[in-house]
């Protein structure tokens, strides 16, 4: 299913430092957003995800933390930046119950 596919692809597509192999900020954000979906589903269903997957997603989020500007925007790095499917603030709010301004 979706969770197994995501785990397999993240293992292949994300370096140990948390940077997605395409090395574009837009696609990196999209992949992180896609990773948060199985995290939410497993959280709702009280199912554990592998430690390796969770550590990799944490590193991916840390990378975003370091590239995000104070106004919340991320500088595009590539010739064709993709827009994310959902905003990280919405996804994080859904997971944690926290709201951002």
C-alpha atoms as a PDB file:
ATOM      1  CA  UNK A   1       0.000   0.000   0.000  1.00  0.00           C
ATOM      2  CA  UNK A   2       0.828   3.669   0.243  1.00  0.00           C
ATOM      3  CA  UNK A   3       2.805   3.369   3.470  1.00  0.00           C
ATOM      4  CA  UNK A   4       5.028   0.522   2.223  1.00  0.00           C
ATOM      5  CA  UNK A   5       5.639   2.306  -1.103  1.00  0.00           C
ATOM      6  CA  UNK A   6       6.552   5.549   0.663  1.00  0.00           C
ATOM      7  CA  UNK A   7       8.972   3.770   3.013  1.00  0.00           C
ATOM      8  CA  UNK A   8      10.689   2.013   0.101  1.00  0.00           C
ATOM      9  CA  UNK A   9      11.009   5.160  -2.009  1.00  0.00           C
ATOM     10  CA  UNK A  10      12.286   7.344   0.825  1.00  0.00           C
ATOM     11  CA  UNK A  11      14.973   4.765   1.555  1.00  0.00           C
ATOM     12  CA  UNK A  12      16.071   5.082  -2.105  1.00  0.00           C
ATOM     13  CA  UNK A  13      15.523   8.793  -2.757  1.00  0.00           C
ATOM     14  CA  UNK A  14      16.666  10.579   0.389  1.00  0.00           C
ATOM     15  CA  UNK A  15      20.301  10.840   1.451  1.00  0.00           C
ATOM     16  CA  UNK A  16      21.299  10.146   5.051  1.00  0.00           C
ATOM     17  CA  UNK A  17      21.609  13.897   5.658  1.00  0.00           C
ATOM     18  CA  UNK A  18      17.903  14.314   4.833  1.00  0.00           C
ATOM     19  CA  UNK A  19      18.264  15.967   1.426  1.00  0.00           C
ATOM     20  CA  UNK A  20      16.160  14.527  -1.391  1.00  0.00           C
ATOM     21  CA  UNK A  21      18.313  13.309  -4.290  1.00  0.00           C
ATOM     22  CA  UNK A  22      16.773  15.726  -6.835  1.00  0.00           C
ATOM     23  CA  UNK A  23      18.281  18.515  -4.695  1.00  0.00           C
ATOM     24  CA  UNK A  24      15.608  21.095  -5.457  1.00  0.00           C
ATOM     25  CA  UNK A  25      13.846  22.916  -2.651  1.00  0.00           C
ATOM     26  CA  UNK A  26      10.408  22.618  -4.233  1.00  0.00           C
ATOM     27  CA  UNK A  27      10.597  18.890  -4.851  1.00  0.00           C
ATOM     28  CA  UNK A  28      12.147  18.355  -1.408  1.00  0.00           C
ATOM     29  CA  UNK A  29       9.147  20.076   0.198  1.00  0.00           C
ATOM     30  CA  UNK A  30       6.770  18.003  -1.919  1.00  0.00           C
ATOM     31  CA  UNK A  31       8.460  14.759  -0.826  1.00  0.00           C
ATOM     32  CA  UNK A  32       8.316  15.820   2.834  1.00  0.00           C
ATOM     33  CA  UNK A  33       4.618  16.577   2.486  1.00  0.00           C
ATOM     34  CA  UNK A  34       4.080  13.177   0.892  1.00  0.00           C
ATOM     35  CA  UNK A  35       5.949  11.547   3.812  1.00  0.00           C
ATOM     36  CA  UNK A  36       3.687  13.233   6.332  1.00  0.00           C
ATOM     37  CA  UNK A  37       0.614  11.492   4.910  1.00  0.00           C
ATOM     38  CA  UNK A  38       1.593   7.966   6.058  1.00  0.00           C
ATOM     39  CA  UNK A  39       2.777   9.452   9.356  1.00  0.00           C
ATOM     40  CA  UNK A  40      -0.693  10.915   9.880  1.00  0.00           C
ATOM     41  CA  UNK A  41      -2.400   7.682   8.812  1.00  0.00           C
ATOM     42  CA  UNK A  42      -0.255   5.582  11.125  1.00  0.00           C
ATOM     43  CA  UNK A  43      -0.797   8.057  13.970  1.00  0.00           C
ATOM     44  CA  UNK A  44      -4.571   7.876  13.517  1.00  0.00           C
ATOM     45  CA  UNK A  45      -4.451   4.070  13.391  1.00  0.00           C
ATOM     46  CA  UNK A  46      -1.959   3.838  16.277  1.00  0.00           C
ATOM     47  CA  UNK A  47       0.584   2.064  14.085  1.00  0.00           C
ATOM     48  CA  UNK A  48       4.340   2.466  14.438  1.00  0.00           C
ATOM     49  CA  UNK A  49       6.600   3.433  11.552  1.00  0.00           C
ATOM     50  CA  UNK A  50      10.225   2.346  11.364  1.00  0.00           C
ATOM     51  CA  UNK A  51      12.791   4.317  13.325  1.00  0.00           C
ATOM     52  CA  UNK A  52      14.851   4.750  10.133  1.00  0.00           C
ATOM     53  CA  UNK A  53      11.933   6.318   8.254  1.00  0.00           C
ATOM     54  CA  UNK A  54      11.059   8.681  11.097  1.00  0.00           C
ATOM     55  CA  UNK A  55      14.691   9.754  11.500  1.00  0.00           C
ATOM     56  CA  UNK A  56      14.965  10.445   7.777  1.00  0.00           C
ATOM     57  CA  UNK A  57      11.785  12.554   7.763  1.00  0.00           C
ATOM     58  CA  UNK A  58      13.086  14.454  10.795  1.00  0.00           C
ATOM     59  CA  UNK A  59      16.304  15.244   8.906  1.00  0.00           C
ATOM     60  CA  UNK A  60      14.257  16.326   5.891  1.00  0.00           C
ATOM     61  CA  UNK A  61      12.277  18.712   8.097  1.00  0.00           C
ATOM     62  CA  UNK A  62      15.508  20.015   9.636  1.00  0.00           C
ATOM     63  CA  UNK A  63      16.781  20.809   6.123  1.00  0.00           C
ATOM     64  CA  UNK A  64      13.611  22.815   5.470  1.00  0.00           C
ATOM     65  CA  UNK A  65      14.052  24.597   8.789  1.00  0.00           C
ATOM     66  CA  UNK A  66      17.495  25.751   7.640  1.00  0.00           C
ATOM     67  CA  UNK A  67      16.413  26.977   4.200  1.00  0.00           C
ATOM     68  CA  UNK A  68      13.156  28.706   5.140  1.00  0.00           C
ATOM     69  CA  UNK A  69      13.217  32.504   5.272  1.00  0.00           C
ATOM     70  CA  UNK A  70      11.781  34.467   8.210  1.00  0.00           C
ATOM     71  CA  UNK A  71       8.718  35.318   6.093  1.00  0.00           C
ATOM     72  CA  UNK A  72       8.015  31.584   5.589  1.00  0.00           C
ATOM     73  CA  UNK A  73       9.156  31.397   1.969  1.00  0.00           C
ATOM     74  CA  UNK A  74      11.833  29.103   0.600  1.00  0.00           C
ATOM     75  CA  UNK A  75      14.289  30.264  -2.030  1.00  0.00           C
ATOM     76  CA  UNK A  76      13.842  28.136  -5.155  1.00  0.00           C
ATOM     77  CA  UNK A  77      16.918  26.071  -6.011  1.00  0.00           C
ATOM     78  CA  UNK A  78      16.630  24.671  -9.542  1.00  0.00           C
ATOM     79  CA  UNK A  79      15.311  25.682 -12.909  1.00  0.00           C
ATOM     80  CA  UNK A  80      11.814  24.325 -12.338  1.00  0.00           C
ATOM     81  CA  UNK A  81      10.413  24.607  -8.834  1.00  0.00           C
ATOM     82  CA  UNK A  82       7.337  22.574  -8.063  1.00  0.00           C
ATOM     83  CA  UNK A  83       4.592  23.731  -5.755  1.00  0.00           C
ATOM     84  CA  UNK A  84       3.749  21.507  -2.833  1.00  0.00           C
ATOM     85  CA  UNK A  85       0.467  19.667  -2.673  1.00  0.00           C
ATOM     86  CA  UNK A  86      -0.317  20.829   0.846  1.00  0.00           C
ATOM     87  CA  UNK A  87       1.415  23.447   2.928  1.00  0.00           C
ATOM     88  CA  UNK A  88       3.668  22.162   5.663  1.00  0.00           C
ATOM     89  CA  UNK A  89       1.940  24.371   8.198  1.00  0.00           C
ATOM     90  CA  UNK A  90      -1.400  22.709   7.453  1.00  0.00           C
ATOM     91  CA  UNK A  91       0.078  19.215   7.677  1.00  0.00           C
ATOM     92  CA  UNK A  92       2.009  19.922  10.867  1.00  0.00           C
ATOM     93  CA  UNK A  93      -1.087  21.499  12.399  1.00  0.00           C
ATOM     94  CA  UNK A  94      -3.098  18.401  11.490  1.00  0.00           C
ATOM     95  CA  UNK A  95      -0.529  16.131  13.151  1.00  0.00           C
ATOM     96  CA  UNK A  96       0.243  18.164  16.253  1.00  0.00           C
ATOM     97  CA  UNK A  97      -2.880  20.224  16.780  1.00  0.00           C
ATOM     98  CA  UNK A  98      -0.668  23.347  16.862  1.00  0.00           C
ATOM     99  CA  UNK A  99      -1.520  26.412  14.798  1.00  0.00           C
ATOM    100  CA  UNK A 100       0.992  28.792  13.239  1.00  0.00           C
ATOM    101  CA  UNK A 101       0.624  32.464  12.438  1.00  0.00           C
END
